[in-house]
Amino acid sequence: MLSPLVGKESAVAAPIDKNITVIHQYSSDHPYHVLFNQGMREVFAEDQRYSYDFSFEYLEIDKLPHDAVHLGQTIEHLRYKTEHSIWQPDVLVTSDGVSNRLLKYKKDLPSDVPVVACAPDYGSTSDISIDAFSEHYLLPKTENYKENIELILELLPETKQVYVVIGNSSEEQKSMKAVTEATSGFDEQLDFVFTNELAHEEMLATLSAARSDSAVLYLRWMMDIDGISHVPERVIEDVVDAVSVPVFGVMEQYLGTGVIGGYVYQVSKLGQDAARMAIDVIDGKDTAAFVQQDSYSNYVFDQRALDRWNIEAKLLPAESEIQYADVSFWDQYGKYLVIGVVVIVLETALIITLIYNNRRRVRAEAELRRLNETLEKMVNERTLELLKANRLLEKLNKQLDHTARIDPLTQLYNRRHIDERLGAEMEEFRRTGQEFTVMIVDIDDFKLTNDNFGHEAGDDVLKTMASILLDNVRKYDVVSRWGGEEFLLLFPNLSEEDAMSRAEVLRDQISQYPYTFNGHSLSITVTIGAATVREHETIEDLIHRADLALYVGKEYGKNQCIMAD
C-alpha cells in the first residue's frame, strides 16, 4: 500500500506555500529512496522563499513485482486522494524508474500538476511516448562501468578475472549491451564472468569459487534467470559474505555493505537536481539545462574495506571521497583541550589583575590574598586536570599504537609491526654482521577448511596456529600474521645452518596437533619457506627468496620445509 509521509522543512510555524508529491517505486526504507530524499530535502531547505510540505508515495514494486493489479489500485488510490484531499501538490516528482511504470496511467494523474521525471527510459517498449508523460526531464548518465574496470586495474594490478554481477530483468537486459561494450576494451587484460544467466544460489556459488587474482564488480541484481525478484541492496550483502576477493560497486547505496566502493552513481545528487528542477518549474523557468546531466558519479570508498584489502589512500583517484574513516583523538577531543587552555589563560590574566590591584589597594589586601589563594588552588586543580588529560592522551596513544600493530583475529603482530622489526634487524645486520632468518609459514589447503567447515573453522585454525607458533619459538623471536593463511616469523641471530632444524620442529608440532572443530577432526599441515639474510640484500629480496622457497615446497607436495638458495 502507499505510505504517505508528510513533514515540514522548518519547525517555524508558517503558511504552507508549496506542496511537493514524490513517488518512488520501492518501499520507504529502500536505501535508494533514503539517499534521494536526503539530497532533495537539502536543496529545498536552502530555498528560504517558500515553506515546503511533502507527501511521499511508494509503489512497493520490490514487495509485489509484476503485479499490474496492485499497481493499478495504487494509482487509483493516489488519484482518489488527490481529488478529495485539501492538500494539493504544486509539483509531482517521480524518481528513477517510476515514470516508465506510470506511462499508461498518465490520465489518472492530476493533469494540471507539472511532473519532474527523473531518469526516464527513452528505450521503453511502451506504445505511449515518454514525452507525453512530462516535459521536465532529468536524464543522468549512469553507465560508469568502464571507469570501474579501469579503477580495479589501477588499485589491484594483479587482477586477472572480473566477475560482473548483473541480473536478468528487462532493465538489466538493456544494460547488458552497455556492459559488454565497456568490457570489450579490456579483453586482452581480463577474463570476464557474467552472472545474468544464473539463479541466485548459482550466482553465489560461482562467486565463492573465485580465484585469488579475481575481483567482483557488482552492478545490480533485480531478477535472476528463474524470474525471481530480488532487492539489489540485500543481494550485495550476500555477495560480500560469499566471496573472499574484493568487491566493487557502482551505486552510492551499496556503500557500508562491505564493498570497497568505486566510481559510484550518487543518488543523493540526483535528488538535489530534482529539487532544483522542481524549484525552476515553480518559478516558471526553462528546465532544459537539466537534460543529459553527467555529474552524478564520483569516486567514493569505504575506509574499512580499503583497510581489509590493504589498499592505500594514496593510490585512489584525486578528489576521492572516503566514508567510514576513524575519527582521530584530536577531532574528537581537540575542542575540549582548546577550551581548557583558554580557561587557564583567562584565569592567569585574572590573577595578574588581582595582584596588580592588591598593590594599589592596601585596604583590600586581606580580601585579595584570599582571592589569590582561591585562584591559585583553581590553577593547581586545572593544571592537575591538564596533566591527567595529558597522561590519558599518552596512554590512549600507546593503546592506539598497540592496536595498530596487532592482528585482531590471532592477536599476533601484524604486517606493519613486522615490517618495522625487519627494518631494525637489517640495520643491526649491516652494522654488526649479526645474521637473522625469516620463515614464511603457509597453511596447506586452507581454502578447503573454509569451504568444508565454514569461515568460523578457518578462524579457529588460524588462532590455534598462532598459539602453536608462539609456544615453539624463543622469547625474542617475532611471530606475525603476514596475510590470509600466511605467517611471517623473524629469528634474530639464527644462522642458515640451524634454520632448517628450527623449521622442521615447527612443521612437526603443527602436523601432530590434534585439530578438532565441532566434533570434526581436521588434518592441518603447513609448508615453510626459510631464508637467511645475505650481504647487500634488501628486505624485499630476503622475503622474495623465502617466498620462492615456500613455492617450491608447495610444488613438492606441501607439508615441507625448504631453505632458500
Protein backbone atom coordinates (compact mmCIF):
# COMPACT_ATOMS: atom_id res chain seq x y z
CA MET A 1 0.00 0.00 0.00
CA LEU A 2 1.04 3.62 -0.30
CA SER A 3 2.82 5.13 2.67
CA PRO A 4 2.33 8.93 2.68
CA LEU A 5 4.73 10.79 4.93
CA VAL A 6 4.05 14.49 5.43
CA GLY A 7 6.52 16.77 7.22
CA LYS A 8 7.57 20.42 7.31
CA GLU A 9 11.05 21.57 6.31
CA SER A 10 11.08 24.05 9.15
CA ALA A 11 9.87 23.89 12.72
CA VAL A 12 8.79 27.53 12.46
CA ALA A 13 5.01 27.93 12.24
CA ALA A 14 4.37 29.42 8.80
CA PRO A 15 1.85 29.13 5.97
CA ILE A 16 2.43 26.24 3.61
CA ASP A 17 3.41 27.93 0.36
CA LYS A 18 4.38 24.96 -1.84
CA ASN A 19 3.44 21.26 -1.76
CA ILE A 20 5.62 18.55 -3.31
CA THR A 21 4.44 14.97 -4.01
CA VAL A 22 7.25 12.46 -4.51
CA ILE A 23 6.57 8.99 -5.99
CA HIS A 24 9.12 6.18 -5.51
CA GLN A 25 8.85 2.69 -6.98
CA TYR A 26 10.10 0.71 -3.96
CA SER A 27 9.34 0.65 -0.20
CA SER A 28 10.00 3.60 2.09
CA ASP A 29 13.08 2.03 3.74
CA HIS A 30 14.82 1.29 0.43
CA PRO A 31 18.37 2.79 0.55
CA TYR A 32 17.96 4.35 -2.91
CA HIS A 33 14.96 6.39 -1.78
CA VAL A 34 16.55 7.37 1.53
CA LEU A 35 19.52 8.90 -0.31
CA PHE A 36 17.32 10.53 -2.97
CA ASN A 37 15.08 12.13 -0.30
CA GLN A 38 18.11 13.30 1.68
CA GLY A 39 19.62 15.13 -1.29
CA MET A 40 16.25 16.59 -2.32
CA ARG A 41 15.48 17.92 1.16
CA GLU A 42 18.89 19.62 1.41
CA VAL A 43 18.18 21.78 -1.65
CA PHE A 44 14.59 22.60 -0.70
CA ALA A 45 15.79 23.66 2.76
CA GLU A 46 18.14 26.21 1.15
CA ASP A 47 15.24 27.96 -0.62
CA GLN A 48 14.02 30.40 2.04
CA ARG A 49 11.32 31.93 -0.18
CA TYR A 50 8.85 29.11 0.42
CA SER A 51 7.86 26.70 3.14
CA TYR A 52 7.74 23.23 1.56
CA ASP A 53 5.47 20.36 2.57
CA PHE A 54 6.00 16.83 1.25
CA SER A 55 3.90 13.76 0.57
CA PHE A 56 5.92 10.62 -0.19
CA GLU A 57 4.22 7.80 -2.08
CA TYR A 58 5.75 4.33 -2.52
CA LEU A 59 4.65 1.85 -5.24
CA GLU A 60 6.39 -1.01 -3.32
CA ILE A 61 7.35 -2.85 -6.51
CA ASP A 62 10.01 -4.73 -4.51
CA LYS A 63 7.27 -6.39 -2.45
CA LEU A 64 4.77 -7.01 -5.28
CA PRO A 65 6.76 -7.29 -8.53
CA HIS A 66 4.93 -7.83 -11.84
CA ASP A 67 1.59 -7.21 -10.12
CA ALA A 68 -0.38 -4.99 -12.52
CA VAL A 69 -3.47 -5.13 -10.31
CA HIS A 70 -1.56 -3.78 -7.32
CA LEU A 71 -0.02 -1.00 -9.43
CA GLY A 72 -3.39 -0.01 -10.88
CA GLN A 73 -5.04 0.07 -7.45
CA THR A 74 -2.14 2.10 -6.08
CA ILE A 75 -2.55 4.72 -8.83
CA GLU A 76 -6.31 4.76 -8.25
CA HIS A 77 -5.69 5.39 -4.54
CA LEU A 78 -3.34 8.26 -5.40
CA ARG A 79 -5.91 9.73 -7.82
CA TYR A 80 -8.69 9.50 -5.23
CA LYS A 81 -6.57 11.09 -2.52
CA THR A 82 -5.54 13.94 -4.85
CA GLU A 83 -9.14 14.65 -5.88
CA HIS A 84 -10.60 14.64 -2.37
CA SER A 85 -7.77 15.99 -0.23
CA ILE A 86 -7.42 19.68 0.71
CA TRP A 87 -3.67 19.15 0.31
CA GLN A 88 -2.94 19.70 -3.39
CA PRO A 89 0.56 19.29 -4.90
CA ASP A 90 2.26 22.10 -6.82
CA VAL A 91 4.83 19.73 -8.36
CA LEU A 92 4.94 15.92 -8.76
CA VAL A 93 8.44 14.36 -8.63
CA THR A 94 8.98 10.77 -9.87
CA SER A 95 12.27 9.10 -9.04
CA ASP A 96 14.24 6.64 -11.17
CA GLY A 97 12.02 4.07 -12.92
CA VAL A 98 8.64 5.48 -11.84
CA SER A 99 7.77 7.46 -14.99
CA ASN A 100 8.03 4.38 -17.22
CA ARG A 101 5.71 2.38 -14.95
CA LEU A 102 3.14 5.22 -14.91
CA LEU A 103 3.03 5.89 -18.69
CA LYS A 104 -0.32 4.26 -19.26
CA TYR A 105 -1.71 5.78 -16.05
CA LYS A 106 -0.95 9.37 -17.09
CA LYS A 107 -4.68 10.13 -17.44
CA ASP A 108 -5.20 9.13 -13.78
CA LEU A 109 -2.66 11.68 -12.51
CA PRO A 110 -3.58 15.33 -11.88
CA SER A 111 -3.48 16.92 -15.35
CA ASP A 112 -2.75 20.44 -14.07
CA VAL A 113 0.23 19.43 -11.89
CA PRO A 114 3.68 19.62 -13.59
CA VAL A 115 5.78 16.45 -13.34
CA VAL A 116 9.56 16.32 -12.79
CA ALA A 117 10.59 12.90 -14.17
CA CYS A 118 13.95 11.57 -13.04
CA ALA A 119 15.84 9.12 -15.27
CA PRO A 120 13.02 8.06 -17.67
CA ASP A 121 13.88 5.34 -20.18
CA TYR A 122 13.55 6.52 -23.77
CA GLY A 123 14.04 2.92 -24.85
CA SER A 124 10.82 1.77 -23.20
CA THR A 125 8.72 -0.76 -25.11
CA SER A 126 5.51 1.11 -24.23
CA ASP A 127 3.37 2.31 -27.14
CA ILE A 128 2.95 5.62 -25.30
CA SER A 129 5.67 8.23 -25.82
CA ILE A 130 7.66 9.12 -22.73
CA ASP A 131 7.40 12.76 -23.87
CA ALA A 132 3.67 12.55 -23.27
CA PHE A 133 4.33 11.96 -19.58
CA SER A 134 6.17 15.23 -18.84
CA GLU A 135 8.17 17.97 -20.48
CA HIS A 136 10.50 18.30 -17.48
CA TYR A 137 13.16 15.59 -17.65
CA LEU A 138 16.28 14.88 -15.70
CA LEU A 139 18.35 12.36 -17.71
CA PRO A 140 21.51 11.40 -15.85
CA LYS A 141 24.32 9.33 -17.30
CA THR A 142 24.53 6.22 -15.11
CA GLU A 143 26.79 3.98 -17.18
CA ASN A 144 30.02 4.04 -15.19
CA TYR A 145 31.19 0.51 -16.00
CA LYS A 146 34.37 1.40 -17.91
CA GLU A 147 35.60 3.72 -15.17
CA ASN A 148 35.16 0.99 -12.56
CA ILE A 149 37.06 -1.60 -14.60
CA GLU A 150 39.91 0.88 -15.03
CA LEU A 151 39.77 1.52 -11.28
CA ILE A 152 40.08 -2.21 -10.48
CA LEU A 153 43.18 -2.48 -12.67
CA GLU A 154 44.66 0.65 -11.09
CA LEU A 155 44.14 -0.44 -7.46
CA LEU A 156 44.61 -4.20 -7.97
CA PRO A 157 47.04 -4.57 -10.92
CA GLU A 158 47.41 -8.33 -10.28
CA THR A 159 43.74 -8.91 -11.14
CA LYS A 160 43.22 -11.38 -13.99
CA GLN A 161 39.49 -12.08 -13.75
CA VAL A 162 36.45 -9.89 -13.00
CA TYR A 163 33.03 -11.27 -12.07
CA VAL A 164 30.34 -8.84 -13.33
CA VAL A 165 27.24 -9.33 -11.17
CA ILE A 166 24.07 -8.32 -13.04
CA GLY A 167 20.60 -9.86 -13.07
CA ASN A 168 18.18 -10.75 -15.87
CA SER A 169 15.30 -8.27 -15.51
CA SER A 170 14.19 -6.34 -18.60
CA GLU A 171 16.08 -3.27 -17.35
CA GLU A 172 19.19 -5.33 -16.70
CA GLN A 173 18.95 -6.97 -20.12
CA LYS A 174 19.03 -3.48 -21.67
CA SER A 175 22.06 -2.60 -19.56
CA MET A 176 23.96 -5.69 -20.78
CA LYS A 177 24.69 -4.03 -24.13
CA ALA A 178 26.47 -1.14 -22.40
CA VAL A 179 28.22 -3.59 -20.07
CA THR A 180 29.56 -5.75 -22.89
CA GLU A 181 30.71 -2.66 -24.79
CA ALA A 182 32.56 -1.43 -21.71
CA THR A 183 34.25 -4.77 -21.05
CA SER A 184 35.23 -5.42 -24.68
CA GLY A 185 38.07 -2.93 -24.41
CA PHE A 186 39.73 -4.98 -21.68
CA ASP A 187 39.55 -8.49 -23.19
CA GLU A 188 43.33 -8.74 -23.53
CA GLN A 189 43.87 -7.86 -19.86
CA LEU A 190 40.97 -9.53 -18.08
CA ASP A 191 38.67 -12.52 -18.23
CA PHE A 192 35.05 -11.51 -17.56
CA VAL A 193 32.42 -13.79 -16.00
CA PHE A 194 28.80 -12.54 -16.27
CA THR A 195 26.08 -13.79 -13.92
CA ASN A 196 22.95 -12.70 -15.83
CA GLU A 197 22.09 -16.28 -16.83
CA LEU A 198 22.33 -17.73 -13.31
CA ALA A 199 19.87 -18.30 -10.49
CA HIS A 200 20.55 -16.58 -7.17
CA GLU A 201 22.16 -19.55 -5.45
CA GLU A 202 24.15 -20.47 -8.56
CA MET A 203 25.48 -16.93 -8.72
CA LEU A 204 26.67 -17.04 -5.08
CA ALA A 205 28.26 -20.46 -5.59
CA THR A 206 30.09 -19.20 -8.69
CA LEU A 207 31.43 -16.16 -6.83
CA SER A 208 32.52 -18.21 -3.82
CA ALA A 209 34.82 -20.20 -6.11
CA ALA A 210 36.59 -17.08 -7.43
CA ARG A 211 40.36 -17.30 -7.68
CA SER A 212 42.56 -15.08 -5.52
CA ASP A 213 43.50 -12.99 -8.56
CA SER A 214 39.85 -12.08 -9.14
CA ALA A 215 37.61 -9.15 -8.25
CA VAL A 216 33.85 -8.65 -8.29
CA LEU A 217 32.09 -5.69 -9.94
CA TYR A 218 28.54 -5.56 -8.58
CA LEU A 219 26.11 -3.69 -10.88
CA ARG A 220 22.70 -4.83 -9.60
CA TRP A 221 20.63 -7.99 -9.19
CA MET A 222 16.91 -7.29 -9.57
CA MET A 223 15.83 -10.62 -11.07
CA ASP A 224 17.60 -13.95 -11.65
CA ILE A 225 17.28 -16.29 -14.61
CA ASP A 226 14.39 -18.12 -12.86
CA GLY A 227 12.34 -14.91 -12.82
CA ILE A 228 12.63 -14.48 -9.04
CA SER A 229 12.81 -10.81 -7.97
CA HIS A 230 15.43 -9.57 -5.52
CA VAL A 231 16.44 -6.33 -3.81
CA PRO A 232 19.94 -5.41 -5.13
CA GLU A 233 20.96 -3.77 -1.86
CA ARG A 234 20.27 -7.02 0.02
CA VAL A 235 21.83 -9.29 -2.59
CA ILE A 236 25.11 -7.38 -2.38
CA GLU A 237 25.36 -8.29 1.30
CA ASP A 238 25.04 -11.97 0.30
CA VAL A 239 27.78 -11.45 -2.31
CA VAL A 240 30.19 -9.86 0.17
CA ASP A 241 29.62 -12.71 2.62
CA ALA A 242 30.12 -15.36 -0.07
CA VAL A 243 33.37 -14.20 -1.68
CA SER A 244 36.96 -13.95 -0.46
CA VAL A 245 38.01 -11.38 -3.06
CA PRO A 246 37.47 -7.59 -3.25
CA VAL A 247 34.01 -6.38 -4.29
CA PHE A 248 33.44 -3.07 -6.08
CA GLY A 249 30.04 -1.39 -6.54
CA VAL A 250 28.58 1.19 -8.91
CA MET A 251 25.83 2.73 -6.74
CA GLU A 252 26.05 5.04 -3.73
CA GLN A 253 23.61 2.93 -1.69
CA TYR A 254 25.99 -0.06 -1.82
CA LEU A 255 28.48 1.73 0.48
CA GLY A 256 28.54 0.33 4.00
CA THR A 257 27.73 -3.27 2.98
CA GLY A 258 31.38 -4.35 2.79
CA VAL A 259 32.14 -3.24 -0.77
CA ILE A 260 35.30 -1.23 -1.42
CA GLY A 261 33.33 1.40 -3.33
CA GLY A 262 34.26 2.67 -6.78
CA TYR A 263 33.14 5.20 -9.35
CA VAL A 264 29.60 5.27 -7.98
CA TYR A 265 26.36 6.80 -9.17
CA GLN A 266 25.34 9.16 -6.33
CA VAL A 267 21.58 9.08 -5.96
CA SER A 268 21.69 11.94 -3.45
CA LYS A 269 22.97 14.26 -6.22
CA LEU A 270 20.07 13.17 -8.46
CA GLY A 271 17.71 14.12 -5.61
CA GLN A 272 19.42 17.52 -5.33
CA ASP A 273 18.94 18.27 -9.05
CA ALA A 274 15.35 17.02 -8.91
CA ALA A 275 14.68 19.64 -6.22
CA ARG A 276 16.44 22.35 -8.27
CA MET A 277 14.34 21.46 -11.32
CA ALA A 278 11.14 21.49 -9.23
CA ILE A 279 12.02 24.97 -7.94
CA ASP A 280 12.61 26.16 -11.52
CA VAL A 281 9.25 24.69 -12.53
CA ILE A 282 7.56 26.56 -9.68
CA ASP A 283 9.35 29.76 -10.77
CA GLY A 284 8.33 29.24 -14.41
CA LYS A 285 11.91 28.86 -15.67
CA ASP A 286 13.20 26.74 -18.55
CA THR A 287 14.34 23.30 -17.33
CA ALA A 288 16.26 22.22 -20.44
CA ALA A 289 19.58 22.74 -18.63
CA PHE A 290 18.93 19.62 -16.58
CA VAL A 291 18.70 17.27 -19.56
CA GLN A 292 21.60 14.80 -20.10
CA GLN A 293 23.42 15.56 -16.86
CA ASP A 294 26.84 13.89 -16.47
CA SER A 295 27.78 14.90 -12.95
CA TYR A 296 26.25 12.24 -10.71
CA SER A 297 29.18 9.83 -10.42
CA ASN A 298 32.21 10.23 -8.20
CA TYR A 299 34.91 8.08 -6.65
CA VAL A 300 33.64 7.07 -3.19
CA PHE A 301 35.22 4.42 -0.94
CA ASP A 302 34.66 2.65 2.39
CA GLN A 303 37.79 3.07 4.56
CA ARG A 304 37.09 -0.20 6.38
CA ALA A 305 37.08 -2.15 3.10
CA LEU A 306 40.22 -0.34 1.92
CA ASP A 307 41.97 -1.43 5.13
CA ARG A 308 40.73 -5.02 4.73
CA TRP A 309 42.26 -5.32 1.27
CA ASN A 310 45.38 -3.26 2.09
CA ILE A 311 44.62 -0.53 -0.44
CA GLU A 312 46.41 2.71 0.45
CA ALA A 313 44.62 6.04 0.14
CA LYS A 314 47.45 7.47 -1.98
CA LEU A 315 46.50 5.03 -4.77
CA LEU A 316 42.95 6.40 -5.01
CA PRO A 317 41.96 8.88 -7.75
CA ALA A 318 42.22 12.58 -6.93
CA GLU A 319 39.26 14.13 -5.09
CA SER A 320 38.02 10.71 -3.93
CA GLU A 321 35.52 10.72 -1.06
CA ILE A 322 36.28 8.32 1.81
CA GLN A 323 33.49 7.25 4.16
CA TYR A 324 33.52 5.33 7.47
CA ALA A 325 37.01 6.64 8.39
CA ASP A 326 38.06 6.50 12.04
CA VAL A 327 37.75 9.78 13.95
CA SER A 328 41.11 10.91 15.35
CA PHE A 329 41.60 11.70 19.03
CA TRP A 330 42.17 15.38 18.21
CA ASP A 331 38.99 15.62 16.11
CA GLN A 332 37.03 14.09 18.98
CA TYR A 333 38.56 15.87 21.97
CA GLY A 334 40.54 18.78 20.50
CA LYS A 335 37.91 21.41 21.21
CA TYR A 336 37.85 20.43 24.89
CA LEU A 337 41.63 20.82 25.14
CA VAL A 338 41.41 24.24 23.48
CA ILE A 339 38.70 25.31 25.91
CA GLY A 340 40.86 24.14 28.81
CA VAL A 341 43.82 26.18 27.60
CA VAL A 342 41.63 29.24 27.12
CA VAL A 343 40.25 28.85 30.64
CA ILE A 344 43.75 28.64 32.10
CA VAL A 345 44.87 31.71 30.15
CA LEU A 346 41.86 33.69 31.33
CA GLU A 347 42.39 32.62 34.94
CA THR A 348 46.06 33.57 34.72
CA ALA A 349 45.07 37.01 33.42
CA LEU A 350 42.66 37.37 36.31
CA ILE A 351 45.40 36.50 38.81
CA ILE A 352 47.71 39.15 37.35
CA THR A 353 44.92 41.73 37.56
CA LEU A 354 44.20 40.85 41.18
CA ILE A 355 47.89 41.05 42.12
CA TYR A 356 48.16 44.48 40.46
CA ASN A 357 45.10 45.75 42.32
CA ASN A 358 46.42 44.27 45.55
CA ARG A 359 49.49 46.51 45.35
CA ARG A 360 47.36 49.59 44.80
CA ARG A 361 44.69 48.96 47.34
CA VAL A 362 46.09 48.31 50.76
CA ARG A 363 42.71 48.17 52.42
CA ALA A 364 41.68 45.23 50.29
CA GLU A 365 44.89 43.31 50.97
CA ALA A 366 43.32 40.61 53.09
CA GLU A 367 40.46 40.03 50.66
CA LEU A 368 42.78 39.95 47.72
CA ARG A 369 45.04 37.45 49.50
CA ARG A 370 42.07 35.16 49.99
CA LEU A 371 41.08 35.52 46.39
CA ASN A 372 44.63 34.89 45.30
CA GLU A 373 44.79 31.67 47.33
CA THR A 374 41.47 30.58 45.86
CA LEU A 375 42.63 31.31 42.36
CA GLU A 376 45.95 29.54 42.93
CA LYS A 377 44.02 26.49 44.07
CA MET A 378 41.90 26.67 40.93
CA VAL A 379 45.01 26.96 38.76
CA ASN A 380 46.56 23.95 40.51
CA GLU A 381 43.38 21.99 40.02
CA ARG A 382 43.23 22.92 36.34
CA THR A 383 46.93 22.16 35.98
CA LEU A 384 46.40 18.77 37.61
CA GLU A 385 43.44 18.14 35.33
CA LEU A 386 45.57 19.07 32.32
CA LEU A 387 48.35 16.75 33.49
CA LYS A 388 45.82 13.96 33.90
CA ALA A 389 44.46 14.71 30.44
CA ASN A 390 47.99 14.60 29.01
CA ARG A 391 48.68 11.28 30.74
CA LEU A 392 45.37 9.93 29.41
CA LEU A 393 46.32 11.16 25.94
CA GLU A 394 49.70 9.42 26.16
CA LYS A 395 48.03 6.22 27.38
CA LEU A 396 45.46 6.32 24.58
CA ASN A 397 48.17 6.96 22.01
CA LYS A 398 50.09 3.93 23.27
CA GLN A 399 46.91 1.84 23.15
CA LEU A 400 46.18 3.05 19.63
CA ASP A 401 49.75 2.25 18.54
CA HIS A 402 49.49 -1.22 20.11
CA THR A 403 46.11 -1.84 18.44
CA ALA A 404 47.52 -0.71 15.09
CA ARG A 405 50.26 -3.36 15.39
CA ILE A 406 48.09 -6.35 16.39
CA ASP A 407 46.06 -8.62 14.12
CA PRO A 408 42.56 -8.67 15.69
CA LEU A 409 41.88 -12.35 14.94
CA THR A 410 45.10 -14.08 16.02
CA GLN A 411 46.42 -11.39 18.41
CA LEU A 412 49.77 -11.73 16.66
CA TYR A 413 51.77 -8.80 15.39
CA ASN A 414 50.53 -7.52 12.04
CA ARG A 415 52.35 -6.57 8.86
CA ARG A 416 53.09 -3.03 9.99
CA HIS A 417 54.94 -4.21 13.10
CA ILE A 418 56.92 -6.95 11.39
CA ASP A 419 57.97 -4.50 8.65
CA GLU A 420 59.44 -2.20 11.31
CA ARG A 421 61.18 -5.09 13.09
CA LEU A 422 62.64 -6.34 9.81
CA GLY A 423 64.00 -2.87 9.12
CA ALA A 424 65.62 -2.67 12.55
CA GLU A 425 67.09 -6.18 12.23
CA MET A 426 68.51 -5.34 8.79
CA GLU A 427 70.20 -2.23 10.23
CA GLU A 428 71.71 -4.37 13.00
CA PHE A 429 72.99 -6.87 10.39
CA ARG A 430 74.63 -4.14 8.34
CA ARG A 431 76.22 -2.59 11.42
CA THR A 432 77.42 -5.68 13.31
CA GLY A 433 77.08 -8.58 10.88
CA GLN A 434 74.68 -10.45 13.17
CA GLU A 435 72.63 -12.54 10.74
CA PHE A 436 68.96 -13.42 11.05
CA THR A 437 66.47 -15.72 9.37
CA VAL A 438 62.86 -15.26 8.21
CA MET A 439 60.31 -18.01 7.61
CA ILE A 440 57.01 -17.82 5.74
CA VAL A 441 54.56 -20.39 7.11
CA ASP A 442 51.56 -21.11 4.86
CA ILE A 443 48.67 -23.39 5.85
CA ASP A 444 48.19 -26.09 3.23
CA ASP A 445 44.78 -26.26 1.52
CA PHE A 446 43.34 -23.70 3.91
CA LYS A 447 40.56 -22.83 1.47
CA LEU A 448 39.23 -26.40 1.75
CA THR A 449 38.83 -25.93 5.51
CA ASN A 450 36.78 -22.78 4.91
CA ASP A 451 34.74 -24.40 2.15
CA ASN A 452 34.05 -27.63 4.05
CA PHE A 453 33.58 -26.34 7.60
CA GLY A 454 32.97 -22.60 7.21
CA HIS A 455 34.95 -19.46 7.96
CA GLU A 456 34.45 -19.99 11.71
CA ALA A 457 36.51 -23.18 11.44
CA GLY A 458 39.11 -21.33 9.39
CA ASP A 459 39.33 -18.61 12.02
CA ASP A 460 39.73 -21.26 14.75
CA VAL A 461 42.59 -22.89 12.82
CA LEU A 462 44.33 -19.52 12.40
CA LYS A 463 44.10 -18.80 16.14
CA THR A 464 45.32 -22.30 17.04
CA MET A 465 48.18 -21.95 14.57
CA ALA A 466 49.19 -18.67 16.20
CA SER A 467 49.28 -20.35 19.62
CA ILE A 468 51.43 -23.25 18.38
CA LEU A 469 53.91 -20.92 16.71
CA LEU A 470 54.24 -18.77 19.84
CA ASP A 471 54.80 -21.84 22.02
CA ASN A 472 57.67 -23.09 19.84
CA VAL A 473 59.83 -20.01 19.32
CA ARG A 474 62.24 -18.13 21.55
CA LYS A 475 61.08 -15.17 23.62
CA TYR A 476 62.85 -12.68 21.38
CA ASP A 477 61.66 -14.24 18.10
CA VAL A 478 58.81 -12.40 16.36
CA VAL A 479 55.67 -14.18 15.08
CA SER A 480 53.32 -12.17 12.83
CA ARG A 481 50.34 -12.71 10.60
CA TRP A 482 51.54 -11.85 7.12
CA GLY A 483 48.13 -12.05 5.44
CA GLY A 484 45.34 -14.59 4.89
CA GLU A 485 46.68 -18.01 5.96
CA GLU A 486 50.34 -16.91 5.87
CA PHE A 487 52.54 -16.16 8.89
CA LEU A 488 55.95 -14.44 8.81
CA LEU A 489 58.47 -15.36 11.55
CA LEU A 490 61.64 -13.41 12.36
CA PHE A 491 64.50 -15.26 14.10
CA PRO A 492 67.29 -12.90 15.24
CA ASN A 493 70.79 -14.45 15.43
CA LEU A 494 69.66 -17.67 13.72
CA SER A 495 72.13 -18.96 11.14
CA GLU A 496 71.32 -20.76 7.92
CA GLU A 497 72.78 -23.98 9.36
CA ASP A 498 70.29 -24.00 12.26
CA ALA A 499 67.29 -22.66 10.36
CA MET A 500 66.14 -25.93 8.81
CA SER A 501 66.08 -27.81 12.11
CA ARG A 502 64.08 -24.99 13.69
CA ALA A 503 61.64 -25.02 10.76
CA GLU A 504 61.21 -28.79 10.99
CA VAL A 505 60.33 -28.50 14.69
CA LEU A 506 57.57 -26.01 13.82
CA ARG A 507 56.26 -28.10 10.92
CA ASP A 508 56.26 -31.28 13.04
CA GLN A 509 54.46 -29.62 16.00
CA ILE A 510 51.76 -28.29 13.68
CA SER A 511 51.21 -31.55 11.76
CA GLN A 512 50.90 -33.56 15.01
CA TYR A 513 48.48 -31.17 16.71
CA PRO A 514 45.00 -32.79 17.15
CA TYR A 515 42.77 -30.22 15.46
CA THR A 516 39.04 -30.57 16.05
CA PHE A 517 36.08 -28.35 15.21
CA ASN A 518 32.51 -29.09 16.25
CA GLY A 519 33.41 -32.75 16.67
CA HIS A 520 35.24 -32.99 13.33
CA SER A 521 38.93 -33.92 13.20
CA LEU A 522 40.94 -31.70 10.87
CA SER A 523 44.24 -32.59 9.26
CA ILE A 524 46.28 -29.41 9.17
CA THR A 525 49.78 -29.13 7.72
CA VAL A 526 51.97 -26.24 6.69
CA THR A 527 54.67 -25.54 4.15
CA ILE A 528 57.58 -23.37 5.31
CA GLY A 529 59.93 -21.32 3.16
CA ALA A 530 63.03 -20.02 5.01
CA ALA A 531 65.79 -17.60 4.04
CA THR A 532 68.82 -16.24 5.95
CA VAL A 533 69.97 -12.69 5.23
CA ARG A 534 72.95 -12.15 2.93
CA GLU A 535 75.33 -9.29 2.22
CA HIS A 536 73.99 -6.44 0.07
CA GLU A 537 70.48 -7.91 0.22
CA THR A 538 67.34 -5.82 0.80
CA ILE A 539 64.40 -6.87 2.93
CA GLU A 540 62.32 -7.28 -0.23
CA ASP A 541 64.98 -9.61 -1.69
CA LEU A 542 65.06 -11.65 1.52
CA ILE A 543 61.26 -12.05 1.65
CA HIS A 544 61.21 -12.89 -2.04
CA ARG A 545 63.71 -15.74 -1.53
CA ALA A 546 61.68 -17.13 1.35
CA ASP A 547 58.52 -16.89 -0.76
CA LEU A 548 60.19 -18.75 -3.63
CA ALA A 549 61.27 -21.46 -1.21
CA LEU A 550 57.66 -21.70 0.01
CA TYR A 551 56.51 -22.07 -3.59
CA VAL A 552 58.99 -24.90 -4.15
CA GLY A 553 57.68 -26.65 -1.04
CA LYS A 554 54.13 -26.40 -2.37
CA GLU A 555 55.26 -27.87 -5.67
CA TYR A 556 56.99 -30.77 -3.87
CA GLY A 557 53.70 -31.86 -2.36
CA LYS A 558 53.22 -29.46 0.62
CA ASN A 559 53.95 -30.23 4.30
CA GLN A 560 57.57 -29.33 3.50
CA CYS A 561 60.36 -27.13 4.85
CA ILE A 562 62.53 -25.56 2.14
CA MET A 563 65.62 -23.42 2.69
CA ALA A 564 66.08 -20.70 0.06
CA ASP A 565 69.14 -20.81 -2.17
